[in-house]
Amino acid sequence: MVLLSSLVLAGCATNQASQKQHADSSMLIRAERDLYLAQTQSDPLGAYLANRELSYARRNPPKSSSALASTALSVLGIKYRYGGETPDTGFDCSGLVTYAAEKSLGLKLPRRSVELARLGTSVKRDELRKGDLVFFNTRGSRFSHVGIYLGDHKFVHAPRTGSVVRIESMNISYWKKRYNGARRLAANMAHQAVSN
């Protein structure tokens, strides 16, 4: 009889512990659900649009990088001209970048390379992607030269007087020593670029 009472009490204790774990788990799930509902119910349209925007972004990644690089490549061979910003007048380094950004992305970027170096987000050299802006110190000051990265350690730029828009390797010692960093233009850059 004592043995039977002990088994019944032990069974009750085990059953109570199992019920407590189940209740705790249910409370956690309910709390997560309530938080989600509070966020979506306080702004159901905003939650729907954010979800829709995220889905669209996953299906349609921004074209900025490839479009920017492609536009710059379309003007290969155009002569260098200090202050130039169109194929008709020629290009300097920042003129090439601003021309490519406006034609391919509709962005009106600042005109000087030092100002371009403040846009977008910083990118490590080993994380460069096609269309990132690459900066060099060619005149004794940071960000005095800019080009557009193409991949495979190559970039397109308008180098200097007497030259033309061309592709070069960043692995050449001249460019290696003068490399200053890179920036990636964001898909939502229109507001930032126009305000500068």
N, C-alpha and C. Protein backbone atom coordinates (compact mmCIF):
# COMPACT_ATOMS: atom_id res chain seq x y z
N MET A 1 0.82 -1.18 0.00
CA MET A 1 0.00 0.00 0.00
C MET A 1 0.87 1.25 0.00
N VAL A 2 1.90 1.21 0.84
CA VAL A 2 2.82 2.35 0.89
C VAL A 2 3.51 2.49 -0.47
N LEU A 3 3.87 1.35 -1.05
CA LEU A 3 4.52 1.36 -2.37
C LEU A 3 3.60 1.96 -3.42
N LEU A 4 2.35 1.57 -3.39
CA LEU A 4 1.38 2.09 -4.35
C LEU A 4 1.20 3.59 -4.18
N SER A 5 1.14 4.06 -2.93
CA SER A 5 1.00 5.50 -2.64
C SER A 5 2.21 6.25 -3.15
N SER A 6 3.40 5.66 -2.97
CA SER A 6 4.64 6.30 -3.43
C SER A 6 4.64 6.43 -4.94
N LEU A 7 4.22 5.37 -5.65
CA LEU A 7 4.18 5.40 -7.10
C LEU A 7 3.20 6.45 -7.61
N VAL A 8 2.04 6.53 -6.97
CA VAL A 8 1.04 7.51 -7.37
C VAL A 8 1.57 8.91 -7.16
N LEU A 9 2.20 9.18 -6.03
CA LEU A 9 2.75 10.51 -5.75
C LEU A 9 3.90 10.83 -6.70
N ALA A 10 4.75 9.84 -6.97
CA ALA A 10 5.85 10.05 -7.91
C ALA A 10 5.31 10.35 -9.30
N GLY A 11 4.28 9.62 -9.69
CA GLY A 11 3.64 9.87 -10.98
C GLY A 11 3.05 11.26 -11.04
N CYS A 12 2.47 11.71 -9.95
CA CYS A 12 1.91 13.06 -9.90
C CYS A 12 3.00 14.10 -10.04
N ALA A 13 4.13 13.87 -9.37
CA ALA A 13 5.24 14.83 -9.42
C ALA A 13 5.79 14.91 -10.85
N THR A 14 5.98 13.75 -11.50
CA THR A 14 6.49 13.72 -12.87
C THR A 14 5.50 14.39 -13.81
N ASN A 15 4.23 14.10 -13.60
CA ASN A 15 3.19 14.67 -14.42
C ASN A 15 3.12 16.19 -14.23
N GLN A 16 3.29 16.64 -12.98
CA GLN A 16 3.25 18.08 -12.71
C GLN A 16 4.45 18.79 -13.37
N ALA A 17 5.65 18.17 -13.35
CA ALA A 17 6.83 18.77 -13.98
C ALA A 17 6.63 18.85 -15.49
N SER A 18 6.07 17.82 -16.09
CA SER A 18 5.82 17.80 -17.52
C SER A 18 4.79 18.86 -17.89
N GLN A 19 3.75 18.99 -17.05
CA GLN A 19 2.73 20.00 -17.32
C GLN A 19 3.31 21.41 -17.19
N LYS A 20 4.23 21.61 -16.23
CA LYS A 20 4.85 22.92 -16.04
C LYS A 20 5.70 23.28 -17.26
N GLN A 21 6.50 22.31 -17.78
CA GLN A 21 7.32 22.56 -18.98
C GLN A 21 6.43 22.90 -20.17
N HIS A 22 5.35 22.17 -20.32
CA HIS A 22 4.42 22.42 -21.42
C HIS A 22 3.81 23.82 -21.29
N ALA A 23 3.44 24.19 -20.06
CA ALA A 23 2.84 25.51 -19.82
C ALA A 23 3.86 26.61 -20.13
N ASP A 24 5.13 26.43 -19.70
CA ASP A 24 6.18 27.42 -19.98
C ASP A 24 6.39 27.56 -21.48
N SER A 25 6.43 26.44 -22.18
CA SER A 25 6.61 26.46 -23.63
C SER A 25 5.45 27.16 -24.30
N SER A 26 4.25 26.88 -23.86
CA SER A 26 3.06 27.52 -24.43
C SER A 26 3.07 29.02 -24.17
N MET A 27 3.52 29.42 -22.98
CA MET A 27 3.59 30.85 -22.66
C MET A 27 4.58 31.56 -23.57
N LEU A 28 5.73 30.93 -23.84
CA LEU A 28 6.74 31.51 -24.70
C LEU A 28 6.21 31.67 -26.12
N ILE A 29 5.58 30.65 -26.64
CA ILE A 29 5.00 30.70 -27.98
C ILE A 29 3.93 31.79 -28.05
N ARG A 30 3.09 31.84 -27.01
CA ARG A 30 2.03 32.85 -26.97
C ARG A 30 2.62 34.26 -26.91
N ALA A 31 3.70 34.45 -26.14
CA ALA A 31 4.34 35.76 -26.03
C ALA A 31 4.92 36.20 -27.38
N GLU A 32 5.57 35.26 -28.08
CA GLU A 32 6.11 35.58 -29.41
C GLU A 32 4.99 35.95 -30.38
N ARG A 33 3.92 35.18 -30.35
CA ARG A 33 2.77 35.44 -31.23
C ARG A 33 2.16 36.80 -30.91
N ASP A 34 2.00 37.10 -29.61
CA ASP A 34 1.42 38.38 -29.21
C ASP A 34 2.29 39.55 -29.67
N LEU A 35 3.60 39.40 -29.57
CA LEU A 35 4.52 40.45 -30.02
C LEU A 35 4.37 40.66 -31.52
N TYR A 36 4.35 39.59 -32.28
CA TYR A 36 4.17 39.68 -33.73
C TYR A 36 2.85 40.37 -34.07
N LEU A 37 1.76 39.92 -33.40
CA LEU A 37 0.45 40.51 -33.67
C LEU A 37 0.40 41.98 -33.28
N ALA A 38 1.05 42.33 -32.18
CA ALA A 38 1.07 43.73 -31.75
C ALA A 38 1.74 44.59 -32.80
N GLN A 39 2.83 44.07 -33.37
CA GLN A 39 3.55 44.84 -34.39
C GLN A 39 2.72 44.97 -35.67
N THR A 40 2.11 43.88 -36.09
CA THR A 40 1.36 43.93 -37.34
C THR A 40 0.00 44.58 -37.17
N GLN A 41 -0.64 44.41 -36.00
CA GLN A 41 -1.96 45.00 -35.80
C GLN A 41 -1.87 46.50 -35.57
N SER A 42 -0.74 46.97 -35.02
CA SER A 42 -0.62 48.41 -34.81
C SER A 42 -0.45 49.13 -36.14
N ASP A 43 0.11 48.44 -37.13
CA ASP A 43 0.28 49.01 -38.47
C ASP A 43 0.18 47.90 -39.50
N PRO A 44 -1.03 47.36 -39.71
CA PRO A 44 -1.15 46.22 -40.62
C PRO A 44 -0.73 46.54 -42.05
N LEU A 45 -1.05 47.74 -42.51
CA LEU A 45 -0.65 48.11 -43.87
C LEU A 45 0.87 48.22 -43.97
N GLY A 46 1.49 48.82 -42.95
CA GLY A 46 2.95 48.93 -42.93
C GLY A 46 3.60 47.56 -42.91
N ALA A 47 3.05 46.64 -42.12
CA ALA A 47 3.61 45.28 -42.05
C ALA A 47 3.46 44.58 -43.40
N TYR A 48 2.31 44.76 -44.05
CA TYR A 48 2.09 44.15 -45.36
C TYR A 48 3.07 44.71 -46.39
N LEU A 49 3.20 46.03 -46.42
CA LEU A 49 4.08 46.67 -47.39
C LEU A 49 5.54 46.30 -47.15
N ALA A 50 5.96 46.25 -45.89
CA ALA A 50 7.34 45.87 -45.58
C ALA A 50 7.63 44.45 -46.04
N ASN A 51 6.67 43.56 -45.81
CA ASN A 51 6.83 42.17 -46.23
C ASN A 51 6.87 42.08 -47.75
N ARG A 52 6.01 42.85 -48.41
CA ARG A 52 5.97 42.85 -49.87
C ARG A 52 7.27 43.43 -50.45
N GLU A 53 7.77 44.50 -49.81
CA GLU A 53 9.01 45.14 -50.25
C GLU A 53 10.19 44.17 -50.10
N LEU A 54 10.22 43.45 -48.99
CA LEU A 54 11.29 42.47 -48.76
C LEU A 54 11.23 41.37 -49.80
N SER A 55 10.04 40.89 -50.12
CA SER A 55 9.89 39.85 -51.14
C SER A 55 10.35 40.35 -52.50
N TYR A 56 9.98 41.58 -52.84
CA TYR A 56 10.38 42.17 -54.13
C TYR A 56 11.91 42.31 -54.19
N ALA A 57 12.51 42.78 -53.11
CA ALA A 57 13.97 42.98 -53.08
C ALA A 57 14.70 41.66 -53.26
N ARG A 58 14.16 40.59 -52.70
CA ARG A 58 14.80 39.28 -52.86
C ARG A 58 14.72 38.80 -54.30
N ARG A 59 13.58 39.07 -54.96
CA ARG A 59 13.41 38.63 -56.35
C ARG A 59 14.12 39.53 -57.34
N ASN A 60 14.28 40.82 -56.99
CA ASN A 60 14.86 41.80 -57.92
C ASN A 60 15.98 42.57 -57.25
N PRO A 61 17.18 42.01 -57.15
CA PRO A 61 18.27 42.73 -56.51
C PRO A 61 18.58 44.02 -57.27
N PRO A 62 19.10 45.05 -56.58
CA PRO A 62 19.35 46.31 -57.25
C PRO A 62 20.32 46.15 -58.41
N LYS A 63 20.05 46.87 -59.49
CA LYS A 63 20.90 46.74 -60.66
C LYS A 63 22.06 47.71 -60.63
N SER A 64 22.18 48.50 -59.59
CA SER A 64 23.15 49.58 -59.54
C SER A 64 24.56 49.16 -59.90
N SER A 65 25.03 48.08 -59.33
CA SER A 65 26.43 47.73 -59.55
C SER A 65 26.72 47.40 -61.01
N SER A 66 25.95 46.53 -61.61
CA SER A 66 26.25 46.15 -62.99
C SER A 66 25.91 47.27 -63.97
N ALA A 67 24.85 48.02 -63.71
CA ALA A 67 24.46 49.10 -64.61
C ALA A 67 25.50 50.22 -64.60
N LEU A 68 25.99 50.55 -63.43
CA LEU A 68 27.00 51.60 -63.30
C LEU A 68 28.26 51.22 -64.06
N ALA A 69 28.74 50.01 -63.86
CA ALA A 69 29.95 49.54 -64.54
C ALA A 69 29.73 49.45 -66.05
N SER A 70 28.59 48.96 -66.47
CA SER A 70 28.30 48.83 -67.90
C SER A 70 28.29 50.18 -68.60
N THR A 71 27.71 51.17 -67.96
CA THR A 71 27.67 52.51 -68.56
C THR A 71 29.08 53.08 -68.69
N ALA A 72 29.90 52.88 -67.67
CA ALA A 72 31.29 53.37 -67.73
C ALA A 72 32.05 52.66 -68.85
N LEU A 73 31.80 51.37 -69.02
CA LEU A 73 32.47 50.61 -70.08
C LEU A 73 32.03 51.07 -71.47
N SER A 74 30.85 51.63 -71.57
CA SER A 74 30.35 52.07 -72.87
C SER A 74 31.09 53.30 -73.41
N VAL A 75 31.88 53.96 -72.55
CA VAL A 75 32.61 55.15 -73.00
C VAL A 75 34.13 54.91 -73.00
N LEU A 76 34.54 53.65 -73.05
CA LEU A 76 35.96 53.34 -73.15
C LEU A 76 36.54 54.07 -74.37
N GLY A 77 37.74 54.61 -74.23
CA GLY A 77 38.41 55.28 -75.34
C GLY A 77 38.12 56.77 -75.44
N ILE A 78 37.15 57.28 -74.67
CA ILE A 78 36.88 58.73 -74.68
C ILE A 78 38.06 59.43 -74.00
N LYS A 79 38.50 60.54 -74.58
CA LYS A 79 39.70 61.23 -74.08
C LYS A 79 39.50 61.81 -72.68
N TYR A 80 40.60 61.92 -71.95
CA TYR A 80 40.60 62.56 -70.64
C TYR A 80 40.54 64.07 -70.84
N ARG A 81 39.73 64.70 -70.04
CA ARG A 81 39.72 66.16 -70.02
C ARG A 81 39.38 66.61 -68.62
N TYR A 82 40.25 67.42 -68.03
CA TYR A 82 40.01 67.93 -66.68
C TYR A 82 38.70 68.72 -66.67
N GLY A 83 37.80 68.37 -65.76
CA GLY A 83 36.49 69.02 -65.66
C GLY A 83 35.45 68.44 -66.61
N GLY A 84 35.87 67.50 -67.47
CA GLY A 84 34.94 66.92 -68.43
C GLY A 84 33.97 65.95 -67.79
N GLU A 85 32.74 65.98 -68.30
CA GLU A 85 31.71 65.10 -67.70
C GLU A 85 30.74 64.52 -68.71
N THR A 86 31.08 64.59 -70.00
CA THR A 86 30.24 63.96 -71.03
C THR A 86 31.15 63.33 -72.08
N PRO A 87 30.63 62.40 -72.86
CA PRO A 87 31.43 61.81 -73.94
C PRO A 87 31.88 62.86 -74.96
N ASP A 88 31.08 63.90 -75.15
CA ASP A 88 31.43 64.94 -76.12
C ASP A 88 32.61 65.79 -75.65
N THR A 89 32.66 66.09 -74.37
CA THR A 89 33.73 66.96 -73.85
C THR A 89 34.93 66.17 -73.35
N GLY A 90 34.75 64.88 -73.09
CA GLY A 90 35.78 64.08 -72.44
C GLY A 90 35.46 63.96 -70.95
N PHE A 91 36.25 63.17 -70.24
CA PHE A 91 35.99 62.91 -68.82
C PHE A 91 37.24 63.09 -67.99
N ASP A 92 37.04 63.58 -66.76
CA ASP A 92 38.05 63.36 -65.74
C ASP A 92 37.50 62.24 -64.86
N CYS A 93 38.24 61.83 -63.84
CA CYS A 93 37.83 60.62 -63.09
C CYS A 93 36.44 60.74 -62.47
N SER A 94 36.17 61.85 -61.76
CA SER A 94 34.87 61.97 -61.11
C SER A 94 33.77 62.29 -62.12
N GLY A 95 34.14 62.94 -63.22
CA GLY A 95 33.16 63.19 -64.28
C GLY A 95 32.64 61.90 -64.87
N LEU A 96 33.53 60.92 -65.04
CA LEU A 96 33.13 59.60 -65.54
C LEU A 96 32.14 58.93 -64.59
N VAL A 97 32.44 58.99 -63.29
CA VAL A 97 31.58 58.35 -62.29
C VAL A 97 30.22 59.04 -62.23
N THR A 98 30.20 60.37 -62.21
CA THR A 98 28.91 61.07 -62.13
C THR A 98 28.09 60.85 -63.39
N TYR A 99 28.75 60.81 -64.55
CA TYR A 99 28.05 60.54 -65.80
C TYR A 99 27.42 59.13 -65.77
N ALA A 100 28.21 58.13 -65.40
CA ALA A 100 27.72 56.75 -65.36
C ALA A 100 26.57 56.59 -64.36
N ALA A 101 26.68 57.25 -63.21
CA ALA A 101 25.62 57.14 -62.19
C ALA A 101 24.33 57.79 -62.65
N GLU A 102 24.45 58.93 -63.31
CA GLU A 102 23.23 59.60 -63.78
C GLU A 102 22.57 58.84 -64.92
N LYS A 103 23.37 58.35 -65.87
CA LYS A 103 22.81 57.63 -67.02
C LYS A 103 22.23 56.28 -66.63
N SER A 104 22.89 55.56 -65.75
CA SER A 104 22.45 54.20 -65.43
C SER A 104 21.47 54.14 -64.27
N LEU A 105 21.61 55.04 -63.29
CA LEU A 105 20.81 54.95 -62.08
C LEU A 105 19.93 56.16 -61.83
N GLY A 106 20.11 57.20 -62.62
CA GLY A 106 19.34 58.42 -62.40
C GLY A 106 19.80 59.20 -61.19
N LEU A 107 21.03 58.95 -60.72
CA LEU A 107 21.55 59.63 -59.54
C LEU A 107 22.36 60.85 -59.94
N LYS A 108 22.14 61.94 -59.26
CA LYS A 108 22.95 63.15 -59.46
C LYS A 108 23.93 63.19 -58.29
N LEU A 109 25.15 62.75 -58.55
CA LEU A 109 26.17 62.65 -57.51
C LEU A 109 27.01 63.93 -57.43
N PRO A 110 27.66 64.14 -56.29
CA PRO A 110 28.58 65.28 -56.18
C PRO A 110 29.69 65.16 -57.23
N ARG A 111 30.29 66.25 -57.57
CA ARG A 111 31.23 66.28 -58.70
C ARG A 111 32.67 65.92 -58.34
N ARG A 112 33.08 66.07 -57.10
CA ARG A 112 34.47 65.83 -56.72
C ARG A 112 34.65 64.45 -56.08
N SER A 113 35.79 63.81 -56.34
CA SER A 113 36.03 62.46 -55.83
C SER A 113 36.03 62.42 -54.30
N VAL A 114 36.52 63.46 -53.66
CA VAL A 114 36.53 63.48 -52.19
C VAL A 114 35.10 63.50 -51.64
N GLU A 115 34.18 64.13 -52.36
CA GLU A 115 32.78 64.13 -51.95
C GLU A 115 32.12 62.78 -52.24
N LEU A 116 32.51 62.15 -53.33
CA LEU A 116 31.99 60.81 -53.66
C LEU A 116 32.39 59.80 -52.59
N ALA A 117 33.55 60.02 -51.98
CA ALA A 117 34.06 59.09 -50.96
C ALA A 117 33.24 59.11 -49.69
N ARG A 118 32.31 60.03 -49.56
CA ARG A 118 31.44 60.11 -48.38
C ARG A 118 30.11 59.39 -48.59
N LEU A 119 29.84 58.98 -49.82
CA LEU A 119 28.55 58.37 -50.14
C LEU A 119 28.57 56.86 -49.91
N GLY A 120 27.39 56.28 -49.80
CA GLY A 120 27.27 54.82 -49.70
C GLY A 120 27.89 54.27 -48.43
N THR A 121 28.36 53.04 -48.53
CA THR A 121 28.98 52.39 -47.38
C THR A 121 30.38 51.92 -47.73
N SER A 122 31.23 51.88 -46.74
CA SER A 122 32.61 51.44 -46.93
C SER A 122 32.65 49.94 -47.24
N VAL A 123 33.59 49.55 -48.11
CA VAL A 123 33.72 48.15 -48.52
C VAL A 123 35.18 47.74 -48.38
N LYS A 124 35.41 46.58 -47.77
CA LYS A 124 36.77 46.05 -47.65
C LYS A 124 37.26 45.59 -49.02
N ARG A 125 38.56 45.67 -49.24
CA ARG A 125 39.12 45.34 -50.55
C ARG A 125 38.78 43.91 -50.98
N ASP A 126 38.78 42.97 -50.03
CA ASP A 126 38.49 41.58 -50.40
C ASP A 126 36.99 41.31 -50.55
N GLU A 127 36.15 42.34 -50.39
CA GLU A 127 34.71 42.19 -50.56
C GLU A 127 34.17 43.05 -51.70
N LEU A 128 35.06 43.55 -52.56
CA LEU A 128 34.65 44.40 -53.67
C LEU A 128 33.73 43.66 -54.63
N ARG A 129 32.73 44.40 -55.14
CA ARG A 129 31.82 43.85 -56.16
C ARG A 129 31.78 44.82 -57.34
N LYS A 130 31.41 44.28 -58.47
CA LYS A 130 31.29 45.08 -59.68
C LYS A 130 30.41 46.30 -59.41
N GLY A 131 30.91 47.47 -59.78
CA GLY A 131 30.16 48.71 -59.59
C GLY A 131 30.54 49.49 -58.35
N ASP A 132 31.36 48.92 -57.46
CA ASP A 132 31.82 49.68 -56.30
C ASP A 132 32.77 50.78 -56.77
N LEU A 133 32.77 51.90 -56.06
CA LEU A 133 33.70 52.98 -56.37
C LEU A 133 35.01 52.71 -55.65
N VAL A 134 36.13 52.78 -56.37
CA VAL A 134 37.44 52.56 -55.77
C VAL A 134 38.22 53.88 -55.81
N PHE A 135 38.90 54.18 -54.70
CA PHE A 135 39.56 55.47 -54.53
C PHE A 135 41.07 55.30 -54.34
N PHE A 136 41.79 56.30 -54.84
CA PHE A 136 43.24 56.28 -54.81
C PHE A 136 43.77 57.66 -54.44
N ASN A 137 44.98 57.67 -53.86
CA ASN A 137 45.67 58.91 -53.54
C ASN A 137 46.71 59.13 -54.63
N THR A 138 46.38 59.95 -55.63
CA THR A 138 47.31 60.19 -56.74
C THR A 138 47.92 61.58 -56.70
N ARG A 139 47.44 62.44 -55.81
CA ARG A 139 47.94 63.81 -55.75
C ARG A 139 48.37 64.21 -54.34
N GLY A 140 48.72 63.24 -53.54
CA GLY A 140 49.15 63.54 -52.18
C GLY A 140 48.01 63.82 -51.23
N SER A 141 46.79 63.51 -51.64
CA SER A 141 45.66 63.65 -50.72
C SER A 141 44.70 62.49 -50.92
N ARG A 142 44.09 62.06 -49.81
CA ARG A 142 43.18 60.92 -49.87
C ARG A 142 42.04 61.18 -50.84
N PHE A 143 41.63 60.13 -51.52
CA PHE A 143 40.46 60.16 -52.40
C PHE A 143 40.60 61.18 -53.54
N SER A 144 41.81 61.38 -54.04
CA SER A 144 41.99 62.34 -55.12
C SER A 144 41.72 61.72 -56.49
N HIS A 145 41.50 60.41 -56.55
CA HIS A 145 41.18 59.74 -57.81
C HIS A 145 40.14 58.66 -57.55
N VAL A 146 39.22 58.48 -58.50
CA VAL A 146 38.15 57.49 -58.34
C VAL A 146 37.95 56.72 -59.64
N GLY A 147 37.59 55.46 -59.50
CA GLY A 147 37.25 54.61 -60.63
C GLY A 147 36.10 53.70 -60.24
N ILE A 148 35.67 52.86 -61.16
CA ILE A 148 34.55 51.94 -60.92
C ILE A 148 35.08 50.51 -61.05
N TYR A 149 34.91 49.74 -59.99
CA TYR A 149 35.42 48.37 -59.95
C TYR A 149 34.64 47.48 -60.91
N LEU A 150 35.38 46.60 -61.61
CA LEU A 150 34.76 45.71 -62.60
C LEU A 150 34.78 44.24 -62.19
N GLY A 151 35.55 43.91 -61.18
CA GLY A 151 35.75 42.51 -60.81
C GLY A 151 37.13 42.07 -61.25
N ASP A 152 37.60 40.96 -60.70
CA ASP A 152 38.90 40.39 -61.07
C ASP A 152 40.03 41.41 -60.91
N HIS A 153 39.96 42.26 -59.88
CA HIS A 153 40.99 43.26 -59.54
C HIS A 153 41.18 44.30 -60.64
N LYS A 154 40.15 44.55 -61.44
CA LYS A 154 40.24 45.54 -62.51
C LYS A 154 39.22 46.66 -62.26
N PHE A 155 39.55 47.84 -62.77
CA PHE A 155 38.64 48.97 -62.65
C PHE A 155 38.72 49.82 -63.91
N VAL A 156 37.64 50.59 -64.14
CA VAL A 156 37.59 51.49 -65.28
C VAL A 156 37.69 52.91 -64.73
N HIS A 157 38.45 53.76 -65.42
CA HIS A 157 38.63 55.13 -64.95
C HIS A 157 39.14 56.02 -66.07
N ALA A 158 39.15 57.32 -65.79
CA ALA A 158 39.74 58.31 -66.69
C ALA A 158 41.02 58.78 -66.00
N PRO A 159 42.19 58.27 -66.41
CA PRO A 159 43.41 58.45 -65.61
C PRO A 159 44.06 59.83 -65.58
N ARG A 160 44.33 60.43 -66.74
CA ARG A 160 45.11 61.67 -66.72
C ARG A 160 45.11 62.32 -68.11
N THR A 161 45.59 63.54 -68.17
CA THR A 161 45.72 64.27 -69.43
C THR A 161 46.55 63.45 -70.42
N GLY A 162 46.11 63.41 -71.66
CA GLY A 162 46.81 62.67 -72.70
C GLY A 162 46.40 61.21 -72.77
N SER A 163 45.48 60.80 -71.91
CA SER A 163 45.04 59.42 -71.88
C SER A 163 43.55 59.35 -72.22
N VAL A 164 42.98 58.15 -72.13
CA VAL A 164 41.56 57.94 -72.42
C VAL A 164 40.94 57.08 -71.31
N VAL A 165 39.63 57.03 -71.28
CA VAL A 165 38.93 56.14 -70.34
C VAL A 165 39.38 54.72 -70.66
N ARG A 166 39.84 54.01 -69.64
CA ARG A 166 40.39 52.67 -69.88
C ARG A 166 40.25 51.78 -68.65
N ILE A 167 40.55 50.51 -68.86
CA ILE A 167 40.52 49.50 -67.79
C ILE A 167 41.96 49.26 -67.34
N GLU A 168 42.15 49.17 -66.03
CA GLU A 168 43.47 48.86 -65.48
C GLU A 168 43.34 47.87 -64.34
N SER A 169 44.45 47.26 -64.01
CA SER A 169 44.50 46.31 -62.90
C SER A 169 44.89 47.02 -61.61
N MET A 170 44.17 46.72 -60.54
CA MET A 170 44.52 47.28 -59.23
C MET A 170 45.75 46.59 -58.66
N ASN A 171 46.20 45.51 -59.29
CA ASN A 171 47.38 44.78 -58.81
C ASN A 171 48.69 45.39 -59.30
N ILE A 172 48.61 46.35 -60.23
CA ILE A 172 49.82 47.05 -60.66
C ILE A 172 50.34 47.82 -59.45
N SER A 173 51.64 47.82 -59.24
CA SER A 173 52.21 48.41 -58.03
C SER A 173 51.80 49.87 -57.83
N TYR A 174 51.70 50.64 -58.92
CA TYR A 174 51.30 52.04 -58.80
C TYR A 174 49.95 52.16 -58.09
N TRP A 175 48.96 51.39 -58.53
CA TRP A 175 47.62 51.47 -57.94
C TRP A 175 47.57 50.80 -56.58
N LYS A 176 48.31 49.73 -56.40
CA LYS A 176 48.36 49.04 -55.10
C LYS A 176 48.80 49.99 -54.00
N LYS A 177 49.87 50.75 -54.27
CA LYS A 177 50.42 51.67 -53.26
C LYS A 177 49.49 52.84 -52.98
N ARG A 178 48.67 53.21 -53.93
CA ARG A 178 47.85 54.41 -53.78
C ARG A 178 46.38 54.13 -53.43
N TYR A 179 46.03 52.88 -53.31
CA TYR A 179 44.64 52.51 -53.00
C TYR A 179 44.23 53.07 -51.64
N ASN A 180 43.06 53.75 -51.59
CA ASN A 180 42.55 54.39 -50.36
C ASN A 180 41.32 53.72 -49.78
N GLY A 181 40.64 52.92 -50.55
CA GLY A 181 39.41 52.32 -50.05
C GLY A 181 38.33 52.30 -51.13
N ALA A 182 37.16 51.82 -50.73
CA ALA A 182 36.05 51.68 -51.69
C ALA A 182 34.74 51.99 -51.00
N ARG A 183 33.77 52.39 -51.81
CA ARG A 183 32.42 52.67 -51.32
C ARG A 183 31.42 51.99 -52.23
N ARG A 184 30.35 51.52 -51.64
CA ARG A 184 29.26 50.89 -52.40
C ARG A 184 28.05 51.80 -52.35
N LEU A 185 27.57 52.16 -53.52
CA LEU A 185 26.37 52.99 -53.58
C LEU A 185 25.16 52.12 -53.27
N ALA A 186 24.32 52.58 -52.37
CA ALA A 186 23.14 51.81 -51.97
C ALA A 186 22.02 51.99 -52.98
N ALA A 187 21.09 51.04 -52.96
CA ALA A 187 19.94 51.10 -53.88
C ALA A 187 19.07 52.32 -53.60
N ASN A 188 19.06 52.77 -52.35
CA ASN A 188 18.21 53.91 -51.97
C ASN A 188 19.01 55.21 -51.89
N MET A 189 20.07 55.34 -52.70
CA MET A 189 20.96 56.48 -52.65
C MET A 189 20.37 57.76 -53.20
N ALA A 190 19.28 57.70 -53.91
CA ALA A 190 18.77 58.90 -54.59
C ALA A 190 18.63 60.08 -53.65
N HIS A 191 18.12 59.86 -52.45
CA HIS A 191 17.91 60.96 -51.51
C HIS A 191 19.24 61.52 -51.03
N GLN A 192 20.19 60.66 -50.71
CA GLN A 192 21.48 61.09 -50.20
C GLN A 192 22.26 61.83 -51.28
N ALA A 193 22.24 61.33 -52.51
CA ALA A 193 23.01 61.92 -53.59
C ALA A 193 22.49 63.31 -53.96
N VAL A 194 21.18 63.46 -54.02
CA VAL A 194 20.59 64.73 -54.44
C VAL A 194 20.85 65.81 -53.40
N SER A 195 20.86 65.44 -52.12
CA SER A 195 21.01 66.44 -51.07
C SER A 195 22.43 66.96 -50.96
N ASN A 196 23.40 66.28 -51.56
CA ASN A 196 24.81 66.72 -51.46
C ASN A 196 25.14 67.77 -52.48
